[in-house]
Structure formats: C-alpha cells, structure tokens
Amino acid sequence: MTAEELQSLITAGLPCEQCTLEGDGRHWYASIVSAAFEGKRLIQRHQLVYATLGGRMQTDEVHALSMKTYTPAEWAAKA
C-alpha cells in the first residue's frame, strides 16, 4: 500500500483537516487533525481511524500504524 492509498482510505472515512503519512509500505506514522476527535479519548480517536481501514489491519495490508491525533484546536495550539 502506498502513502497516497492509505491517506485516501483515512480521509474518505473521516473528515480530516490534515492527514500526513510517512512510512515504508508496512510501518506507517500518521498525524491526523479532525473535528471528529472533539471530546474523544485517545483510544476512541484511534478506533475512529482504524474503522476507516476496515479489515486491512487484520490482513496485513497495513502492518503497523502509529498515529498522533489532534482536534483542530489542539493542532493550532501545537503550532
């Protein structure tokens, strides 16, 4: 899977203000900014992202995804 394909899957299933990915085709690192994360705990945010991937994590299409998830306000405060 390419970074563009993975990014398309995430952004198709989750409204993102920003979604950046780095990786080697198996191990991915994502920074995702979405208003959908408002009021959600970290695990809930990650579950939202995993839901966009469907079964791709179980079939090893995406072997590992490490992510940092931010609300727009958190992202603005970080900048």
PDB file of N, CA and C in Angstrom:
ATOM      1  N   MET A   1       0.839  -1.171   0.000  1.00  0.00           N
ATOM      2  CA  MET A   1       0.000   0.000   0.000  1.00  0.00           C
ATOM      3  C   MET A   1       0.890   1.242   0.000  1.00  0.00           C
ATOM      4  N   THR A   2       0.482   2.244  -0.748  1.00  0.00           N
ATOM      5  CA  THR A   2       1.241   3.486  -0.799  1.00  0.00           C
ATOM      6  C   THR A   2       0.680   4.478   0.225  1.00  0.00           C
ATOM      7  N   ALA A   3       1.448   5.508   0.498  1.00  0.00           N
ATOM      8  CA  ALA A   3       1.005   6.558   1.419  1.00  0.00           C
ATOM      9  C   ALA A   3      -0.258   7.228   0.886  1.00  0.00           C
ATOM     10  N   GLU A   4      -0.331   7.415  -0.421  1.00  0.00           N
ATOM     11  CA  GLU A   4      -1.498   8.057  -1.026  1.00  0.00           C
ATOM     12  C   GLU A   4      -2.747   7.194  -0.855  1.00  0.00           C
ATOM     13  N   GLU A   5      -2.598   5.881  -1.027  1.00  0.00           N
ATOM     14  CA  GLU A   5      -3.739   4.975  -0.857  1.00  0.00           C
ATOM     15  C   GLU A   5      -4.222   4.973   0.591  1.00  0.00           C
ATOM     16  N   LEU A   6      -3.281   4.904   1.511  1.00  0.00           N
ATOM     17  CA  LEU A   6      -3.635   4.903   2.926  1.00  0.00           C
ATOM     18  C   LEU A   6      -4.291   6.225   3.316  1.00  0.00           C
ATOM     19  N   GLN A   7      -3.735   7.313   2.853  1.00  0.00           N
ATOM     20  CA  GLN A   7      -4.311   8.626   3.140  1.00  0.00           C
ATOM     21  C   GLN A   7      -5.726   8.728   2.574  1.00  0.00           C
ATOM     22  N   SER A   8      -5.940   8.214   1.377  1.00  0.00           N
ATOM     23  CA  SER A   8      -7.271   8.242   0.760  1.00  0.00           C
ATOM     24  C   SER A   8      -8.284   7.450   1.583  1.00  0.00           C
ATOM     25  N   LEU A   9      -7.874   6.294   2.096  1.00  0.00           N
ATOM     26  CA  LEU A   9      -8.768   5.484   2.925  1.00  0.00           C
ATOM     27  C   LEU A   9      -9.169   6.238   4.192  1.00  0.00           C
ATOM     28  N   ILE A  10      -8.192   6.841   4.839  1.00  0.00           N
ATOM     29  CA  ILE A  10      -8.469   7.559   6.089  1.00  0.00           C
ATOM     30  C   ILE A  10      -9.358   8.756   5.838  1.00  0.00           C
ATOM     31  N   THR A  11      -9.022   9.568   4.837  1.00  0.00           N
ATOM     32  CA  THR A  11      -9.788  10.791   4.592  1.00  0.00           C
ATOM     33  C   THR A  11     -11.166  10.514   3.993  1.00  0.00           C
ATOM     34  N   ALA A  12     -11.342   9.364   3.355  1.00  0.00           N
ATOM     35  CA  ALA A  12     -12.665   9.007   2.838  1.00  0.00           C
ATOM     36  C   ALA A  12     -13.616   8.630   3.970  1.00  0.00           C
ATOM     37  N   GLY A  13     -13.074   8.089   5.043  1.00  0.00           N
ATOM     38  CA  GLY A  13     -13.914   7.641   6.145  1.00  0.00           C
ATOM     39  C   GLY A  13     -13.961   8.569   7.336  1.00  0.00           C
ATOM     40  N   LEU A  14     -13.132   9.612   7.321  1.00  0.00           N
ATOM     41  CA  LEU A  14     -13.039  10.515   8.463  1.00  0.00           C
ATOM     42  C   LEU A  14     -12.773  11.924   7.936  1.00  0.00           C
ATOM     43  N   PRO A  15     -13.613  12.897   8.291  1.00  0.00           N
ATOM     44  CA  PRO A  15     -13.365  14.261   7.825  1.00  0.00           C
ATOM     45  C   PRO A  15     -12.089  14.809   8.478  1.00  0.00           C
ATOM     46  N   CYS A  16     -11.068  15.057   7.672  1.00  0.00           N
ATOM     47  CA  CYS A  16      -9.767  15.490   8.191  1.00  0.00           C
ATOM     48  C   CYS A  16      -9.423  16.886   7.685  1.00  0.00           C
ATOM     49  N   GLU A  17      -8.965  17.717   8.592  1.00  0.00           N
ATOM     50  CA  GLU A  17      -8.404  18.999   8.195  1.00  0.00           C
ATOM     51  C   GLU A  17      -6.985  18.797   7.663  1.00  0.00           C
ATOM     52  N   GLN A  18      -6.338  17.761   8.204  1.00  0.00           N
ATOM     53  CA  GLN A  18      -4.980  17.427   7.779  1.00  0.00           C
ATOM     54  C   GLN A  18      -4.724  15.955   8.064  1.00  0.00           C
ATOM     55  N   CYS A  19      -4.013  15.321   7.142  1.00  0.00           N
ATOM     56  CA  CYS A  19      -3.633  13.915   7.322  1.00  0.00           C
ATOM     57  C   CYS A  19      -2.304  13.720   6.603  1.00  0.00           C
ATOM     58  N   THR A  20      -1.243  13.546   7.366  1.00  0.00           N
ATOM     59  CA  THR A  20       0.069  13.319   6.762  1.00  0.00           C
ATOM     60  C   THR A  20       0.561  11.937   7.177  1.00  0.00           C
ATOM     61  N   LEU A  21       1.225  11.276   6.243  1.00  0.00           N
ATOM     62  CA  LEU A  21       1.706   9.919   6.472  1.00  0.00           C
ATOM     63  C   LEU A  21       3.142   9.781   6.033  1.00  0.00           C
ATOM     64  N   GLU A  22       3.883   9.014   6.799  1.00  0.00           N
ATOM     65  CA  GLU A  22       5.236   8.621   6.432  1.00  0.00           C
ATOM     66  C   GLU A  22       5.347   7.136   6.707  1.00  0.00           C
ATOM     67  N   GLY A  23       6.151   6.452   5.926  1.00  0.00           N
ATOM     68  CA  GLY A  23       6.329   5.033   6.186  1.00  0.00           C
ATOM     69  C   GLY A  23       7.045   4.326   5.067  1.00  0.00           C
ATOM     70  N   ASP A  24       7.181   3.024   5.250  1.00  0.00           N
ATOM     71  CA  ASP A  24       7.942   2.213   4.299  1.00  0.00           C
ATOM     72  C   ASP A  24       7.074   1.216   3.542  1.00  0.00           C
ATOM     73  N   GLY A  25       5.755   1.375   3.616  1.00  0.00           N
ATOM     74  CA  GLY A  25       4.869   0.446   2.945  1.00  0.00           C
ATOM     75  C   GLY A  25       4.265  -0.590   3.884  1.00  0.00           C
ATOM     76  N   ARG A  26       4.870  -0.781   5.042  1.00  0.00           N
ATOM     77  CA  ARG A  26       4.342  -1.705   6.050  1.00  0.00           C
ATOM     78  C   ARG A  26       4.153  -1.015   7.402  1.00  0.00           C
ATOM     79  N   HIS A  27       5.092  -0.161   7.759  1.00  0.00           N
ATOM     80  CA  HIS A  27       5.043   0.559   9.024  1.00  0.00           C
ATOM     81  C   HIS A  27       4.777   2.034   8.713  1.00  0.00           C
ATOM     82  N   TRP A  28       3.674   2.541   9.281  1.00  0.00           N
ATOM     83  CA  TRP A  28       3.238   3.898   8.961  1.00  0.00           C
ATOM     84  C   TRP A  28       3.173   4.771  10.206  1.00  0.00           C
ATOM     85  N   TYR A  29       3.418   6.051  10.001  1.00  0.00           N
ATOM     86  CA  TYR A  29       3.335   7.069  11.043  1.00  0.00           C
ATOM     87  C   TYR A  29       2.424   8.163  10.511  1.00  0.00           C
ATOM     88  N   ALA A  30       1.322   8.433  11.227  1.00  0.00           N
ATOM     89  CA  ALA A  30       0.330   9.393  10.754  1.00  0.00           C
ATOM     90  C   ALA A  30       0.117  10.503  11.766  1.00  0.00           C
ATOM     91  N   SER A  31      -0.098  11.704  11.245  1.00  0.00           N
ATOM     92  CA  SER A  31      -0.574  12.832  12.043  1.00  0.00           C
ATOM     93  C   SER A  31      -1.906  13.219  11.426  1.00  0.00           C
ATOM     94  N   ILE A  32      -2.955  13.171  12.238  1.00  0.00           N
ATOM     95  CA  ILE A  32      -4.300  13.387  11.728  1.00  0.00           C
ATOM     96  C   ILE A  32      -4.988  14.455  12.565  1.00  0.00           C
ATOM     97  N   VAL A  33      -5.548  15.443  11.888  1.00  0.00           N
ATOM     98  CA  VAL A  33      -6.291  16.521  12.540  1.00  0.00           C
ATOM     99  C   VAL A  33      -7.736  16.417  12.070  1.00  0.00           C
ATOM    100  N   SER A  34      -8.665  16.253  13.022  1.00  0.00           N
ATOM    101  CA  SER A  34     -10.068  16.109  12.664  1.00  0.00           C
ATOM    102  C   SER A  34     -10.965  16.645  13.768  1.00  0.00           C
ATOM    103  N   ALA A  35     -12.012  17.343  13.386  1.00  0.00           N
ATOM    104  CA  ALA A  35     -13.009  17.805  14.349  1.00  0.00           C
ATOM    105  C   ALA A  35     -13.772  16.625  14.945  1.00  0.00           C
ATOM    106  N   ALA A  36     -13.743  15.481  14.261  1.00  0.00           N
ATOM    107  CA  ALA A  36     -14.410  14.276  14.771  1.00  0.00           C
ATOM    108  C   ALA A  36     -13.775  13.786  16.071  1.00  0.00           C
ATOM    109  N   PHE A  37     -12.577  14.254  16.383  1.00  0.00           N
ATOM    110  CA  PHE A  37     -11.889  13.843  17.604  1.00  0.00           C
ATOM    111  C   PHE A  37     -12.323  14.650  18.831  1.00  0.00           C
ATOM    112  N   GLU A  38     -13.113  15.697  18.624  1.00  0.00           N
ATOM    113  CA  GLU A  38     -13.562  16.544  19.734  1.00  0.00           C
ATOM    114  C   GLU A  38     -14.263  15.698  20.794  1.00  0.00           C
ATOM    115  N   GLY A  39     -13.852  15.838  22.029  1.00  0.00           N
ATOM    116  CA  GLY A  39     -14.489  15.145  23.142  1.00  0.00           C
ATOM    117  C   GLY A  39     -14.184  13.659  23.231  1.00  0.00           C
ATOM    118  N   LYS A  40     -13.286  13.161  22.391  1.00  0.00           N
ATOM    119  CA  LYS A  40     -12.957  11.733  22.374  1.00  0.00           C
ATOM    120  C   LYS A  40     -11.640  11.495  23.106  1.00  0.00           C
ATOM    121  N   ARG A  41     -11.587  10.354  23.820  1.00  0.00           N
ATOM    122  CA  ARG A  41     -10.336   9.930  24.440  1.00  0.00           C
ATOM    123  C   ARG A  41      -9.413   9.397  23.348  1.00  0.00           C
ATOM    124  N   LEU A  42      -8.142   9.245  23.666  1.00  0.00           N
ATOM    125  CA  LEU A  42      -7.145   8.798  22.692  1.00  0.00           C
ATOM    126  C   LEU A  42      -7.537   7.477  22.039  1.00  0.00           C
ATOM    127  N   ILE A  43      -7.959   6.511  22.829  1.00  0.00           N
ATOM    128  CA  ILE A  43      -8.323   5.207  22.275  1.00  0.00           C
ATOM    129  C   ILE A  43      -9.513   5.337  21.321  1.00  0.00           C
ATOM    130  N   GLN A  44     -10.456   6.197  21.643  1.00  0.00           N
ATOM    131  CA  GLN A  44     -11.613   6.402  20.768  1.00  0.00           C
ATOM    132  C   GLN A  44     -11.193   7.048  19.447  1.00  0.00           C
ATOM    133  N   ARG A  45     -10.243   7.942  19.516  1.00  0.00           N
ATOM    134  CA  ARG A  45      -9.730   8.583  18.289  1.00  0.00           C
ATOM    135  C   ARG A  45      -9.074   7.535  17.394  1.00  0.00           C
ATOM    136  N   HIS A  46      -8.254   6.699  18.005  1.00  0.00           N
ATOM    137  CA  HIS A  46      -7.570   5.655  17.229  1.00  0.00           C
ATOM    138  C   HIS A  46      -8.580   4.672  16.642  1.00  0.00           C
ATOM    139  N   GLN A  47      -9.611   4.355  17.392  1.00  0.00           N
ATOM    140  CA  GLN A  47     -10.651   3.461  16.880  1.00  0.00           C
ATOM    141  C   GLN A  47     -11.349   4.057  15.672  1.00  0.00           C
ATOM    142  N   LEU A  48     -11.564   5.371  15.676  1.00  0.00           N
ATOM    143  CA  LEU A  48     -12.167   6.034  14.517  1.00  0.00           C
ATOM    144  C   LEU A  48     -11.286   5.876  13.288  1.00  0.00           C
ATOM    145  N   VAL A  49      -9.987   6.034  13.469  1.00  0.00           N
ATOM    146  CA  VAL A  49      -9.058   5.892  12.340  1.00  0.00           C
ATOM    147  C   VAL A  49      -9.016   4.440  11.877  1.00  0.00           C
ATOM    148  N   TYR A  50      -8.899   3.499  12.804  1.00  0.00           N
ATOM    149  CA  TYR A  50      -8.868   2.084  12.434  1.00  0.00           C
ATOM    150  C   TYR A  50     -10.133   1.676  11.676  1.00  0.00           C
ATOM    151  N   ALA A  51     -11.270   2.258  12.051  1.00  0.00           N
ATOM    152  CA  ALA A  51     -12.528   1.940  11.374  1.00  0.00           C
ATOM    153  C   ALA A  51     -12.473   2.303   9.891  1.00  0.00           C
ATOM    154  N   THR A  52     -11.710   3.325   9.538  1.00  0.00           N
ATOM    155  CA  THR A  52     -11.605   3.718   8.125  1.00  0.00           C
ATOM    156  C   THR A  52     -10.823   2.690   7.310  1.00  0.00           C
ATOM    157  N   LEU A  53     -10.031   1.872   7.989  1.00  0.00           N
ATOM    158  CA  LEU A  53      -9.197   0.891   7.294  1.00  0.00           C
ATOM    159  C   LEU A  53      -9.887  -0.456   7.108  1.00  0.00           C
ATOM    160  N   GLY A  54     -11.040  -0.631   7.751  1.00  0.00           N
ATOM    161  CA  GLY A  54     -11.754  -1.898   7.635  1.00  0.00           C
ATOM    162  C   GLY A  54     -10.872  -3.047   8.086  1.00  0.00           C
ATOM    163  N   GLY A  55     -10.813  -4.107   7.299  1.00  0.00           N
ATOM    164  CA  GLY A  55     -10.040  -5.289   7.665  1.00  0.00           C
ATOM    165  C   GLY A  55      -8.590  -5.246   7.231  1.00  0.00           C
ATOM    166  N   ARG A  56      -8.129  -4.126   6.737  1.00  0.00           N
ATOM    167  CA  ARG A  56      -6.757  -4.060   6.203  1.00  0.00           C
ATOM    168  C   ARG A  56      -5.679  -4.277   7.268  1.00  0.00           C
ATOM    169  N   MET A  57      -5.995  -3.984   8.522  1.00  0.00           N
ATOM    170  CA  MET A  57      -5.033  -4.240   9.592  1.00  0.00           C
ATOM    171  C   MET A  57      -4.944  -5.746   9.865  1.00  0.00           C
ATOM    172  N   GLN A  58      -6.060  -6.449   9.768  1.00  0.00           N
ATOM    173  CA  GLN A  58      -6.068  -7.880  10.041  1.00  0.00           C
ATOM    174  C   GLN A  58      -5.459  -8.687   8.898  1.00  0.00           C
ATOM    175  N   THR A  59      -5.543  -8.181   7.673  1.00  0.00           N
ATOM    176  CA  THR A  59      -4.997  -8.911   6.527  1.00  0.00           C
ATOM    177  C   THR A  59      -3.543  -8.561   6.272  1.00  0.00           C
ATOM    178  N   ASP A  60      -2.974  -7.697   7.098  1.00  0.00           N
ATOM    179  CA  ASP A  60      -1.570  -7.295   6.997  1.00  0.00           C
ATOM    180  C   ASP A  60      -1.293  -6.366   5.810  1.00  0.00           C
ATOM    181  N   GLU A  61      -2.354  -5.851   5.165  1.00  0.00           N
ATOM    182  CA  GLU A  61      -2.141  -4.830   4.138  1.00  0.00           C
ATOM    183  C   GLU A  61      -1.474  -3.610   4.770  1.00  0.00           C
ATOM    184  N   VAL A  62      -1.912  -3.294   5.985  1.00  0.00           N
ATOM    185  CA  VAL A  62      -1.275  -2.258   6.804  1.00  0.00           C
ATOM    186  C   VAL A  62      -0.766  -2.992   8.032  1.00  0.00           C
ATOM    187  N   HIS A  63       0.532  -3.200   8.101  1.00  0.00           N
ATOM    188  CA  HIS A  63       1.107  -3.985   9.194  1.00  0.00           C
ATOM    189  C   HIS A  63       1.072  -3.221  10.514  1.00  0.00           C
ATOM    190  N   ALA A  64       1.475  -1.952  10.482  1.00  0.00           N
ATOM    191  CA  ALA A  64       1.522  -1.156  11.709  1.00  0.00           C
ATOM    192  C   ALA A  64       1.214   0.301  11.385  1.00  0.00           C
ATOM    193  N   LEU A  65       0.400   0.903  12.231  1.00  0.00           N
ATOM    194  CA  LEU A  65       0.056   2.316  12.062  1.00  0.00           C
ATOM    195  C   LEU A  65       0.192   3.000  13.410  1.00  0.00           C
ATOM    196  N   SER A  66       1.190   3.854  13.517  1.00  0.00           N
ATOM    197  CA  SER A  66       1.383   4.674  14.704  1.00  0.00           C
ATOM    198  C   SER A  66       0.797   6.041  14.374  1.00  0.00           C
ATOM    199  N   MET A  67       0.003   6.587  15.269  1.00  0.00           N
ATOM    200  CA  MET A  67      -0.635   7.854  14.928  1.00  0.00           C
ATOM    201  C   MET A  67      -0.672   8.836  16.072  1.00  0.00           C
ATOM    202  N   LYS A  68      -0.684  10.092  15.671  1.00  0.00           N
ATOM    203  CA  LYS A  68      -0.918  11.206  16.581  1.00  0.00           C
ATOM    204  C   LYS A  68      -2.189  11.860  16.073  1.00  0.00           C
ATOM    205  N   THR A  69      -3.156  11.982  16.966  1.00  0.00           N
ATOM    206  CA  THR A  69      -4.456  12.521  16.575  1.00  0.00           C
ATOM    207  C   THR A  69      -4.717  13.819  17.333  1.00  0.00           C
ATOM    208  N   TYR A  70      -5.202  14.807  16.605  1.00  0.00           N
ATOM    209  CA  TYR A  70      -5.428  16.135  17.181  1.00  0.00           C
ATOM    210  C   TYR A  70      -6.787  16.677  16.752  1.00  0.00           C
ATOM    211  N   THR A  71      -7.393  17.437  17.629  1.00  0.00           N
ATOM    212  CA  THR A  71      -8.534  18.256  17.223  1.00  0.00           C
ATOM    213  C   THR A  71      -7.944  19.496  16.552  1.00  0.00           C
ATOM    214  N   PRO A  72      -8.740  20.243  15.798  1.00  0.00           N
ATOM    215  CA  PRO A  72      -8.208  21.479  15.195  1.00  0.00           C
ATOM    216  C   PRO A  72      -7.641  22.442  16.244  1.00  0.00           C
ATOM    217  N   ALA A  73      -8.284  22.548  17.395  1.00  0.00           N
ATOM    218  CA  ALA A  73      -7.794  23.445  18.448  1.00  0.00           C
ATOM    219  C   ALA A  73      -6.460  22.961  19.009  1.00  0.00           C
ATOM    220  N   GLU A  74      -6.331  21.661  19.214  1.00  0.00           N
ATOM    221  CA  GLU A  74      -5.063  21.108  19.707  1.00  0.00           C
ATOM    222  C   GLU A  74      -3.952  21.339  18.696  1.00  0.00           C
ATOM    223  N   TRP A  75      -4.266  21.177  17.419  1.00  0.00           N
ATOM    224  CA  TRP A  75      -3.276  21.372  16.369  1.00  0.00           C
ATOM    225  C   TRP A  75      -2.833  22.834  16.308  1.00  0.00           C
ATOM    226  N   ALA A  76      -3.792  23.753  16.427  1.00  0.00           N
ATOM    227  CA  ALA A  76      -3.480  25.185  16.401  1.00  0.00           C
ATOM    228  C   ALA A  76      -2.607  25.566  17.596  1.00  0.00           C
ATOM    229  N   ALA A  77      -2.882  24.986  18.765  1.00  0.00           N
ATOM    230  CA  ALA A  77      -2.108  25.282  19.966  1.00  0.00           C
ATOM    231  C   ALA A  77      -0.692  24.718  19.840  1.00  0.00           C
ATOM    232  N   LYS A  78      -0.560  23.618  19.110  1.00  0.00           N
ATOM    233  CA  LYS A  78       0.753  22.989  18.912  1.00  0.00           C
ATOM    234  C   LYS A  78       1.643  23.818  17.977  1.00  0.00           C
ATOM    235  N   ALA A  79       1.015  24.482  17.045  1.00  0.00           N
ATOM    236  CA  ALA A  79       1.763  25.251  16.031  1.00  0.00           C
ATOM    237  C   ALA A  79       2.376  26.501  16.525  1.00  0.00           C
TER     238      ALA A  79
END
